[in-house]
Amino acid sequence: MRRPAPSRFTLSGEEANRHNFYEVRLFEHGSDAGFLVLRMTPGGAWVLPFNEARERLEERELLTAEFPKYRLWIAHYYRKYRITSETPGIFILKWLTGYPIYARSKEDLTQALYNLRPLSRKERYELLRHIIQQTEKKKAYKTSSFRLMNESNFMRSMLHPQAIETMSHYDMVLP
């Protein structure tokens, strides 16, 4: 593994923009138990086993001959994104085609185009009507300014330049 994952990392903030590493796991077929690959060794890999409850067990070496018994899962953390592959072929294809760079560029372009439009915000009566409709559908409906913004404009709106103003407006409207 040329770029193994650090033991701790975040997927938000400026530090996340510098990420470019891999996380490799091997899972037992039909189970959530498996191994986190820490590093490669001449005879296989040094792994951290975990059970189905995701409890860590004692580190050990897993021999190369044992690899076919397990299902592969690879995550490439590139900038703030996690790109996963479940087969070696798909992983190699994504690596050869520069898929992480393409995915990041596509997302940046989509966000930039979204930011060109003014962020729509519902006025007080529209919001109240929306809250009443949701409460009629589900009696235990609860909301917040964050949830209202997501329901109105999608999650992408949180990165919009007008996000803070819109969130403030929803804070004011909510009792």
N, C-alpha and C. Protein backbone atom coordinates (compact mmCIF):
# COMPACT_ATOMS: atom_id res chain seq x y z
N MET A 1 0.86 -1.18 0.00
CA MET A 1 0.00 0.00 0.00
C MET A 1 0.90 1.23 0.00
N ARG A 2 0.79 1.99 -1.06
CA ARG A 2 1.65 3.17 -1.18
C ARG A 2 1.19 4.32 -0.30
N ARG A 3 -0.12 4.46 -0.15
CA ARG A 3 -0.64 5.54 0.66
C ARG A 3 -1.68 5.00 1.64
N PRO A 4 -1.24 4.38 2.72
CA PRO A 4 -2.21 3.83 3.68
C PRO A 4 -2.90 4.96 4.45
N ALA A 5 -4.08 4.68 4.92
CA ALA A 5 -4.85 5.66 5.69
C ALA A 5 -4.19 5.90 7.04
N PRO A 6 -4.18 7.15 7.50
CA PRO A 6 -3.68 7.41 8.85
C PRO A 6 -4.64 6.81 9.88
N SER A 7 -4.19 6.70 11.11
CA SER A 7 -5.05 6.09 12.13
C SER A 7 -6.27 6.96 12.44
N ARG A 8 -6.13 8.27 12.30
CA ARG A 8 -7.27 9.18 12.51
C ARG A 8 -7.26 10.25 11.44
N PHE A 9 -8.46 10.58 10.92
CA PHE A 9 -8.56 11.64 9.92
C PHE A 9 -9.98 12.17 9.92
N THR A 10 -10.15 13.34 9.31
CA THR A 10 -11.47 13.98 9.25
C THR A 10 -11.86 14.14 7.79
N LEU A 11 -13.14 14.19 7.51
CA LEU A 11 -13.63 14.39 6.15
C LEU A 11 -14.18 15.79 5.94
N SER A 12 -13.87 16.70 6.87
CA SER A 12 -14.33 18.08 6.72
C SER A 12 -13.19 19.02 7.07
N GLY A 13 -13.37 20.28 6.72
CA GLY A 13 -12.35 21.29 7.03
C GLY A 13 -11.24 21.31 6.00
N GLU A 14 -10.30 22.21 6.21
CA GLU A 14 -9.19 22.39 5.28
C GLU A 14 -8.28 21.17 5.21
N GLU A 15 -8.09 20.49 6.32
CA GLU A 15 -7.23 19.31 6.34
C GLU A 15 -7.74 18.25 5.36
N ALA A 16 -9.04 18.13 5.23
CA ALA A 16 -9.62 17.12 4.34
C ALA A 16 -9.29 17.39 2.88
N ASN A 17 -9.02 18.63 2.51
CA ASN A 17 -8.67 18.95 1.13
C ASN A 17 -7.30 18.41 0.73
N ARG A 18 -6.51 17.98 1.69
CA ARG A 18 -5.18 17.43 1.39
C ARG A 18 -5.16 15.90 1.39
N HIS A 19 -6.29 15.26 1.63
CA HIS A 19 -6.34 13.80 1.67
C HIS A 19 -6.10 13.18 0.30
N ASN A 20 -5.32 12.11 0.29
CA ASN A 20 -5.15 11.27 -0.89
C ASN A 20 -4.55 9.95 -0.41
N PHE A 21 -5.39 9.10 0.17
CA PHE A 21 -4.91 7.83 0.71
C PHE A 21 -5.99 6.77 0.59
N TYR A 22 -5.60 5.53 0.90
CA TYR A 22 -6.48 4.38 0.72
C TYR A 22 -6.74 3.67 2.05
N GLU A 23 -7.93 3.11 2.15
CA GLU A 23 -8.29 2.24 3.26
C GLU A 23 -8.71 0.91 2.63
N VAL A 24 -8.08 -0.17 3.06
CA VAL A 24 -8.38 -1.48 2.49
C VAL A 24 -8.91 -2.38 3.61
N ARG A 25 -10.03 -3.02 3.32
CA ARG A 25 -10.63 -3.95 4.28
C ARG A 25 -10.93 -5.27 3.57
N LEU A 26 -10.86 -6.33 4.31
CA LEU A 26 -11.24 -7.66 3.83
C LEU A 26 -12.35 -8.15 4.74
N PHE A 27 -13.48 -8.53 4.16
CA PHE A 27 -14.63 -8.99 4.94
C PHE A 27 -14.88 -10.47 4.70
N GLU A 28 -15.35 -11.13 5.75
CA GLU A 28 -15.80 -12.51 5.59
C GLU A 28 -17.06 -12.47 4.73
N HIS A 29 -17.23 -13.43 3.84
CA HIS A 29 -18.41 -13.45 2.97
C HIS A 29 -19.67 -13.58 3.80
N GLY A 30 -20.66 -12.70 3.53
CA GLY A 30 -21.93 -12.73 4.24
C GLY A 30 -21.86 -12.23 5.66
N SER A 31 -20.83 -11.47 5.99
CA SER A 31 -20.64 -11.00 7.37
C SER A 31 -20.01 -9.61 7.36
N ASP A 32 -20.15 -8.92 8.48
CA ASP A 32 -19.49 -7.62 8.65
C ASP A 32 -18.16 -7.77 9.38
N ALA A 33 -17.81 -8.98 9.75
CA ALA A 33 -16.53 -9.22 10.42
C ALA A 33 -15.44 -9.27 9.37
N GLY A 34 -14.24 -8.83 9.74
CA GLY A 34 -13.16 -8.86 8.77
C GLY A 34 -11.89 -8.25 9.31
N PHE A 35 -11.13 -7.63 8.40
CA PHE A 35 -9.82 -7.08 8.73
C PHE A 35 -9.64 -5.72 8.10
N LEU A 36 -8.99 -4.84 8.83
CA LEU A 36 -8.51 -3.57 8.28
C LEU A 36 -7.04 -3.79 7.98
N VAL A 37 -6.64 -3.62 6.73
CA VAL A 37 -5.25 -3.83 6.34
C VAL A 37 -4.43 -2.61 6.77
N LEU A 38 -3.44 -2.85 7.62
CA LEU A 38 -2.60 -1.78 8.12
C LEU A 38 -1.37 -1.55 7.24
N ARG A 39 -0.75 -2.63 6.81
CA ARG A 39 0.41 -2.52 5.92
C ARG A 39 0.68 -3.88 5.30
N MET A 40 1.36 -3.87 4.18
CA MET A 40 1.71 -5.11 3.50
C MET A 40 3.02 -5.64 4.09
N THR A 41 3.14 -6.96 4.13
CA THR A 41 4.35 -7.63 4.60
C THR A 41 4.80 -8.59 3.49
N PRO A 42 6.03 -9.11 3.56
CA PRO A 42 6.47 -10.05 2.52
C PRO A 42 5.58 -11.27 2.36
N GLY A 43 4.96 -11.74 3.45
CA GLY A 43 4.13 -12.94 3.38
C GLY A 43 2.64 -12.67 3.28
N GLY A 44 2.23 -11.42 3.26
CA GLY A 44 0.80 -11.10 3.22
C GLY A 44 0.54 -9.68 3.66
N ALA A 45 -0.22 -9.52 4.77
CA ALA A 45 -0.56 -8.19 5.27
C ALA A 45 -0.69 -8.22 6.79
N TRP A 46 -0.28 -7.13 7.43
CA TRP A 46 -0.49 -6.95 8.86
C TRP A 46 -1.87 -6.32 8.99
N VAL A 47 -2.77 -6.97 9.73
CA VAL A 47 -4.17 -6.54 9.76
C VAL A 47 -4.67 -6.33 11.19
N LEU A 48 -5.71 -5.56 11.28
CA LEU A 48 -6.42 -5.36 12.54
C LEU A 48 -7.78 -6.04 12.39
N PRO A 49 -7.98 -7.19 13.01
CA PRO A 49 -9.27 -7.89 12.89
C PRO A 49 -10.37 -7.16 13.67
N PHE A 50 -11.60 -7.31 13.19
CA PHE A 50 -12.76 -6.79 13.92
C PHE A 50 -13.91 -7.75 13.72
N ASN A 51 -14.78 -7.81 14.73
CA ASN A 51 -15.91 -8.73 14.65
C ASN A 51 -17.13 -8.00 14.09
N GLU A 52 -18.28 -8.67 14.05
CA GLU A 52 -19.49 -8.07 13.47
C GLU A 52 -19.97 -6.84 14.23
N ALA A 53 -19.63 -6.75 15.51
CA ALA A 53 -20.01 -5.58 16.32
C ALA A 53 -18.98 -4.45 16.15
N ARG A 54 -18.04 -4.62 15.22
CA ARG A 54 -16.98 -3.65 14.92
C ARG A 54 -16.01 -3.45 16.09
N GLU A 55 -15.92 -4.44 16.95
CA GLU A 55 -14.97 -4.40 18.06
C GLU A 55 -13.61 -4.85 17.55
N ARG A 56 -12.58 -4.09 17.91
CA ARG A 56 -11.23 -4.43 17.48
C ARG A 56 -10.70 -5.62 18.25
N LEU A 57 -9.98 -6.47 17.52
CA LEU A 57 -9.33 -7.61 18.13
C LEU A 57 -7.81 -7.39 18.04
N GLU A 58 -7.04 -8.36 18.38
CA GLU A 58 -5.58 -8.21 18.39
C GLU A 58 -5.00 -8.25 16.98
N GLU A 59 -4.08 -7.32 16.68
CA GLU A 59 -3.43 -7.27 15.37
C GLU A 59 -2.70 -8.57 15.09
N ARG A 60 -2.69 -8.94 13.80
CA ARG A 60 -1.98 -10.16 13.42
C ARG A 60 -1.64 -10.10 11.93
N GLU A 61 -0.89 -11.10 11.48
CA GLU A 61 -0.55 -11.17 10.05
C GLU A 61 -1.54 -12.09 9.35
N LEU A 62 -1.99 -11.67 8.19
CA LEU A 62 -2.88 -12.47 7.35
C LEU A 62 -2.07 -12.87 6.12
N LEU A 63 -1.95 -14.16 5.89
CA LEU A 63 -1.13 -14.66 4.80
C LEU A 63 -1.80 -14.45 3.44
N THR A 64 -0.99 -14.25 2.42
CA THR A 64 -1.50 -14.01 1.07
C THR A 64 -2.42 -15.14 0.61
N ALA A 65 -2.12 -16.37 0.99
CA ALA A 65 -2.94 -17.52 0.59
C ALA A 65 -4.36 -17.43 1.15
N GLU A 66 -4.56 -16.67 2.23
CA GLU A 66 -5.88 -16.54 2.84
C GLU A 66 -6.73 -15.45 2.18
N PHE A 67 -6.14 -14.56 1.40
CA PHE A 67 -6.88 -13.44 0.80
C PHE A 67 -8.13 -13.85 0.03
N PRO A 68 -8.08 -14.92 -0.79
CA PRO A 68 -9.28 -15.29 -1.57
C PRO A 68 -10.49 -15.67 -0.72
N LYS A 69 -10.29 -15.95 0.54
CA LYS A 69 -11.41 -16.32 1.42
C LYS A 69 -12.26 -15.10 1.79
N TYR A 70 -11.77 -13.91 1.49
CA TYR A 70 -12.43 -12.70 1.94
C TYR A 70 -12.88 -11.82 0.78
N ARG A 71 -13.86 -10.98 1.07
CA ARG A 71 -14.40 -10.02 0.13
C ARG A 71 -13.62 -8.72 0.30
N LEU A 72 -13.16 -8.13 -0.81
CA LEU A 72 -12.34 -6.93 -0.78
C LEU A 72 -13.21 -5.67 -0.76
N TRP A 73 -12.76 -4.67 -0.03
CA TRP A 73 -13.40 -3.35 -0.02
C TRP A 73 -12.30 -2.32 0.08
N ILE A 74 -12.23 -1.40 -0.89
CA ILE A 74 -11.20 -0.36 -0.91
C ILE A 74 -11.89 0.99 -0.95
N ALA A 75 -11.43 1.90 -0.11
CA ALA A 75 -11.91 3.28 -0.14
C ALA A 75 -10.72 4.18 -0.45
N HIS A 76 -10.90 5.04 -1.45
CA HIS A 76 -9.88 6.03 -1.79
C HIS A 76 -10.41 7.36 -1.26
N TYR A 77 -9.72 7.92 -0.29
CA TYR A 77 -10.09 9.22 0.27
C TYR A 77 -9.32 10.27 -0.51
N TYR A 78 -10.05 10.99 -1.36
CA TYR A 78 -9.43 12.00 -2.20
C TYR A 78 -10.10 13.33 -1.91
N ARG A 79 -9.31 14.22 -1.37
CA ARG A 79 -9.81 15.51 -0.88
C ARG A 79 -10.91 15.21 0.13
N LYS A 80 -12.11 15.73 -0.06
CA LYS A 80 -13.17 15.49 0.92
C LYS A 80 -14.08 14.33 0.51
N TYR A 81 -13.66 13.54 -0.47
CA TYR A 81 -14.51 12.49 -1.00
C TYR A 81 -13.99 11.11 -0.65
N ARG A 82 -14.91 10.17 -0.55
CA ARG A 82 -14.58 8.77 -0.35
C ARG A 82 -15.12 8.00 -1.54
N ILE A 83 -14.23 7.40 -2.31
CA ILE A 83 -14.61 6.66 -3.51
C ILE A 83 -14.33 5.19 -3.23
N THR A 84 -15.36 4.37 -3.27
CA THR A 84 -15.21 2.97 -2.87
C THR A 84 -15.23 2.03 -4.07
N SER A 85 -14.55 0.91 -3.90
CA SER A 85 -14.52 -0.16 -4.91
C SER A 85 -14.62 -1.48 -4.16
N GLU A 86 -15.34 -2.43 -4.75
CA GLU A 86 -15.49 -3.72 -4.09
C GLU A 86 -14.84 -4.86 -4.86
N THR A 87 -14.20 -4.54 -5.97
CA THR A 87 -13.46 -5.56 -6.71
C THR A 87 -12.13 -4.96 -7.16
N PRO A 88 -11.10 -5.77 -7.29
CA PRO A 88 -9.82 -5.24 -7.76
C PRO A 88 -9.93 -4.62 -9.15
N GLY A 89 -10.74 -5.23 -10.03
CA GLY A 89 -10.88 -4.70 -11.39
C GLY A 89 -11.45 -3.30 -11.43
N ILE A 90 -12.51 -3.06 -10.66
CA ILE A 90 -13.13 -1.73 -10.62
C ILE A 90 -12.15 -0.73 -10.01
N PHE A 91 -11.44 -1.13 -8.96
CA PHE A 91 -10.46 -0.24 -8.34
C PHE A 91 -9.39 0.16 -9.36
N ILE A 92 -8.85 -0.81 -10.09
CA ILE A 92 -7.80 -0.53 -11.07
C ILE A 92 -8.34 0.35 -12.19
N LEU A 93 -9.56 0.09 -12.64
CA LEU A 93 -10.17 0.91 -13.68
C LEU A 93 -10.32 2.36 -13.22
N LYS A 94 -10.81 2.56 -12.00
CA LYS A 94 -10.95 3.92 -11.47
C LYS A 94 -9.59 4.59 -11.35
N TRP A 95 -8.58 3.84 -10.92
CA TRP A 95 -7.24 4.39 -10.76
C TRP A 95 -6.65 4.77 -12.11
N LEU A 96 -6.78 3.89 -13.11
CA LEU A 96 -6.21 4.15 -14.44
C LEU A 96 -6.88 5.33 -15.14
N THR A 97 -8.18 5.49 -14.93
CA THR A 97 -8.91 6.57 -15.60
C THR A 97 -8.88 7.89 -14.84
N GLY A 98 -8.27 7.91 -13.66
CA GLY A 98 -8.23 9.14 -12.87
C GLY A 98 -9.60 9.52 -12.34
N TYR A 99 -10.41 8.52 -12.05
CA TYR A 99 -11.78 8.76 -11.61
C TYR A 99 -11.89 9.71 -10.41
N PRO A 100 -11.04 9.60 -9.38
CA PRO A 100 -11.19 10.53 -8.24
C PRO A 100 -11.06 12.00 -8.66
N ILE A 101 -10.14 12.28 -9.55
CA ILE A 101 -9.97 13.67 -10.02
C ILE A 101 -11.20 14.10 -10.81
N TYR A 102 -11.70 13.19 -11.67
CA TYR A 102 -12.90 13.48 -12.45
C TYR A 102 -14.10 13.72 -11.52
N ALA A 103 -14.28 12.85 -10.52
CA ALA A 103 -15.42 12.97 -9.60
C ALA A 103 -15.34 14.28 -8.83
N ARG A 104 -14.15 14.64 -8.36
CA ARG A 104 -13.99 15.89 -7.62
C ARG A 104 -14.26 17.09 -8.53
N SER A 105 -13.73 17.06 -9.75
CA SER A 105 -13.94 18.17 -10.69
C SER A 105 -15.41 18.32 -11.06
N LYS A 106 -16.08 17.19 -11.28
CA LYS A 106 -17.51 17.22 -11.60
C LYS A 106 -18.31 17.82 -10.45
N GLU A 107 -17.99 17.42 -9.22
CA GLU A 107 -18.69 17.94 -8.05
C GLU A 107 -18.44 19.45 -7.89
N ASP A 108 -17.19 19.87 -8.08
CA ASP A 108 -16.87 21.30 -7.98
C ASP A 108 -17.62 22.11 -9.03
N LEU A 109 -17.68 21.58 -10.26
CA LEU A 109 -18.38 22.28 -11.34
C LEU A 109 -19.88 22.34 -11.04
N THR A 110 -20.45 21.24 -10.59
CA THR A 110 -21.88 21.21 -10.25
C THR A 110 -22.20 22.22 -9.15
N GLN A 111 -21.34 22.28 -8.12
CA GLN A 111 -21.56 23.24 -7.04
C GLN A 111 -21.42 24.67 -7.55
N ALA A 112 -20.43 24.92 -8.40
CA ALA A 112 -20.23 26.27 -8.95
C ALA A 112 -21.45 26.71 -9.76
N LEU A 113 -21.99 25.83 -10.57
CA LEU A 113 -23.19 26.15 -11.35
C LEU A 113 -24.39 26.38 -10.43
N TYR A 114 -24.50 25.57 -9.39
CA TYR A 114 -25.60 25.74 -8.41
C TYR A 114 -25.47 27.09 -7.71
N ASN A 115 -24.25 27.50 -7.41
CA ASN A 115 -24.03 28.77 -6.71
C ASN A 115 -24.34 29.98 -7.57
N LEU A 116 -24.41 29.83 -8.89
CA LEU A 116 -24.74 30.95 -9.77
C LEU A 116 -26.19 31.40 -9.61
N ARG A 117 -27.06 30.46 -9.24
CA ARG A 117 -28.47 30.80 -9.04
C ARG A 117 -28.66 31.38 -7.64
N PRO A 118 -29.57 32.30 -7.49
CA PRO A 118 -29.86 32.75 -6.12
C PRO A 118 -30.52 31.60 -5.35
N LEU A 119 -30.20 31.50 -4.09
CA LEU A 119 -30.74 30.44 -3.25
C LEU A 119 -32.18 30.80 -2.90
N SER A 120 -33.12 29.94 -3.29
CA SER A 120 -34.52 30.25 -3.01
C SER A 120 -34.81 30.00 -1.54
N ARG A 121 -35.62 30.85 -0.98
CA ARG A 121 -36.02 30.63 0.40
C ARG A 121 -37.52 30.82 0.48
N LYS A 122 -38.14 29.94 1.19
CA LYS A 122 -39.58 30.01 1.32
C LYS A 122 -39.94 31.11 2.32
N GLU A 123 -41.00 31.79 2.02
CA GLU A 123 -41.47 32.83 2.94
C GLU A 123 -42.25 32.18 4.07
N ARG A 124 -42.61 32.99 5.03
CA ARG A 124 -43.21 32.49 6.27
C ARG A 124 -44.41 31.58 6.03
N TYR A 125 -45.37 32.02 5.19
CA TYR A 125 -46.57 31.22 4.98
C TYR A 125 -46.28 29.92 4.24
N GLU A 126 -45.35 29.96 3.30
CA GLU A 126 -44.97 28.72 2.60
C GLU A 126 -44.34 27.73 3.58
N LEU A 127 -43.48 28.24 4.47
CA LEU A 127 -42.84 27.37 5.46
C LEU A 127 -43.87 26.77 6.42
N LEU A 128 -44.78 27.61 6.88
CA LEU A 128 -45.81 27.11 7.79
C LEU A 128 -46.68 26.06 7.11
N ARG A 129 -47.03 26.29 5.84
CA ARG A 129 -47.82 25.32 5.08
C ARG A 129 -47.04 24.00 4.95
N HIS A 130 -45.75 24.12 4.66
CA HIS A 130 -44.91 22.93 4.55
C HIS A 130 -44.87 22.16 5.88
N ILE A 131 -44.70 22.86 6.98
CA ILE A 131 -44.64 22.23 8.30
C ILE A 131 -45.97 21.54 8.62
N ILE A 132 -47.08 22.20 8.30
CA ILE A 132 -48.40 21.61 8.55
C ILE A 132 -48.59 20.35 7.71
N GLN A 133 -48.21 20.40 6.43
CA GLN A 133 -48.34 19.23 5.56
C GLN A 133 -47.51 18.06 6.08
N GLN A 134 -46.30 18.34 6.51
CA GLN A 134 -45.43 17.28 7.02
C GLN A 134 -45.98 16.71 8.33
N THR A 135 -46.56 17.57 9.16
CA THR A 135 -47.13 17.13 10.44
C THR A 135 -48.37 16.27 10.20
N GLU A 136 -49.14 16.60 9.15
CA GLU A 136 -50.31 15.78 8.82
C GLU A 136 -49.88 14.39 8.35
N LYS A 137 -48.76 14.32 7.62
CA LYS A 137 -48.25 13.03 7.15
C LYS A 137 -47.69 12.21 8.30
N LYS A 138 -46.98 12.89 9.18
CA LYS A 138 -46.32 12.20 10.29
C LYS A 138 -46.50 13.05 11.55
N LYS A 139 -47.29 12.56 12.47
CA LYS A 139 -47.65 13.33 13.67
C LYS A 139 -46.43 13.72 14.51
N ALA A 140 -45.39 12.90 14.51
CA ALA A 140 -44.21 13.19 15.33
C ALA A 140 -43.17 14.02 14.56
N TYR A 141 -43.60 14.72 13.51
CA TYR A 141 -42.67 15.50 12.69
C TYR A 141 -42.04 16.62 13.51
N LYS A 142 -40.72 16.69 13.46
CA LYS A 142 -39.97 17.77 14.11
C LYS A 142 -39.06 18.36 13.06
N THR A 143 -38.78 19.64 13.19
CA THR A 143 -37.93 20.28 12.19
C THR A 143 -36.99 21.29 12.85
N SER A 144 -36.09 21.78 12.04
CA SER A 144 -35.14 22.81 12.46
C SER A 144 -34.83 23.64 11.23
N SER A 145 -34.12 24.72 11.41
CA SER A 145 -33.78 25.55 10.26
C SER A 145 -32.90 24.77 9.28
N PHE A 146 -32.01 23.96 9.81
CA PHE A 146 -31.15 23.13 8.97
C PHE A 146 -31.98 22.16 8.13
N ARG A 147 -32.93 21.46 8.78
CA ARG A 147 -33.77 20.50 8.08
C ARG A 147 -34.66 21.20 7.05
N LEU A 148 -35.22 22.35 7.40
CA LEU A 148 -36.06 23.08 6.44
C LEU A 148 -35.26 23.49 5.21
N MET A 149 -34.03 23.91 5.44
CA MET A 149 -33.19 24.32 4.31
C MET A 149 -32.90 23.12 3.42
N ASN A 150 -32.64 21.97 4.00
CA ASN A 150 -32.40 20.76 3.20
C ASN A 150 -33.64 20.33 2.45
N GLU A 151 -34.80 20.39 3.09
CA GLU A 151 -36.03 19.98 2.44
C GLU A 151 -36.41 20.95 1.32
N SER A 152 -36.01 22.20 1.43
CA SER A 152 -36.34 23.20 0.42
C SER A 152 -35.33 23.25 -0.72
N ASN A 153 -34.06 23.10 -0.41
CA ASN A 153 -33.01 23.37 -1.40
C ASN A 153 -31.99 22.27 -1.58
N PHE A 154 -32.12 21.15 -0.95
CA PHE A 154 -31.17 20.05 -1.02
C PHE A 154 -29.92 20.35 -0.19
N MET A 155 -29.15 19.33 0.07
CA MET A 155 -27.94 19.44 0.88
C MET A 155 -26.91 20.36 0.24
N ARG A 156 -26.91 20.43 -1.08
CA ARG A 156 -25.96 21.28 -1.80
C ARG A 156 -26.06 22.75 -1.36
N SER A 157 -27.22 23.15 -0.87
CA SER A 157 -27.42 24.55 -0.48
C SER A 157 -26.54 24.95 0.71
N MET A 158 -26.04 23.97 1.48
CA MET A 158 -25.21 24.32 2.64
C MET A 158 -23.88 24.93 2.21
N LEU A 159 -23.44 24.70 0.98
CA LEU A 159 -22.18 25.26 0.49
C LEU A 159 -22.41 26.51 -0.36
N HIS A 160 -23.66 26.94 -0.50
CA HIS A 160 -24.00 28.12 -1.29
C HIS A 160 -23.57 29.39 -0.56
N PRO A 161 -23.13 30.43 -1.28
CA PRO A 161 -22.72 31.67 -0.62
C PRO A 161 -23.82 32.33 0.23
N GLN A 162 -25.08 32.09 -0.12
CA GLN A 162 -26.19 32.69 0.63
C GLN A 162 -26.73 31.77 1.73
N ALA A 163 -26.02 30.72 2.04
CA ALA A 163 -26.52 29.72 2.99
C ALA A 163 -26.76 30.32 4.38
N ILE A 164 -25.85 31.12 4.87
CA ILE A 164 -25.98 31.68 6.23
C ILE A 164 -27.19 32.60 6.30
N GLU A 165 -27.39 33.42 5.28
CA GLU A 165 -28.55 34.33 5.26
C GLU A 165 -29.86 33.54 5.24
N THR A 166 -29.91 32.50 4.42
CA THR A 166 -31.12 31.69 4.33
C THR A 166 -31.39 30.96 5.64
N MET A 167 -30.34 30.43 6.24
CA MET A 167 -30.49 29.73 7.52
C MET A 167 -30.98 30.71 8.59
N SER A 168 -30.47 31.92 8.59
CA SER A 168 -30.93 32.95 9.54
C SER A 168 -32.40 33.27 9.35
N HIS A 169 -32.81 33.33 8.09
CA HIS A 169 -34.22 33.58 7.79
C HIS A 169 -35.09 32.46 8.36
N TYR A 170 -34.69 31.21 8.18
CA TYR A 170 -35.47 30.10 8.70
C TYR A 170 -35.46 30.09 10.22
N ASP A 171 -34.35 30.49 10.84
CA ASP A 171 -34.30 30.61 12.30
C ASP A 171 -35.31 31.63 12.79
N MET A 172 -35.43 32.74 12.04
CA MET A 172 -36.37 33.80 12.43
C MET A 172 -37.82 33.33 12.30
N VAL A 173 -38.11 32.57 11.24
CA VAL A 173 -39.47 32.13 10.96
C VAL A 173 -39.94 31.09 11.98
N LEU A 174 -39.03 30.19 12.38
CA LEU A 174 -39.42 29.16 13.33
C LEU A 174 -39.67 29.78 14.71
N PRO A 175 -40.73 29.34 15.35
CA PRO A 175 -41.00 29.91 16.71
C PRO A 175 -40.01 29.43 17.74
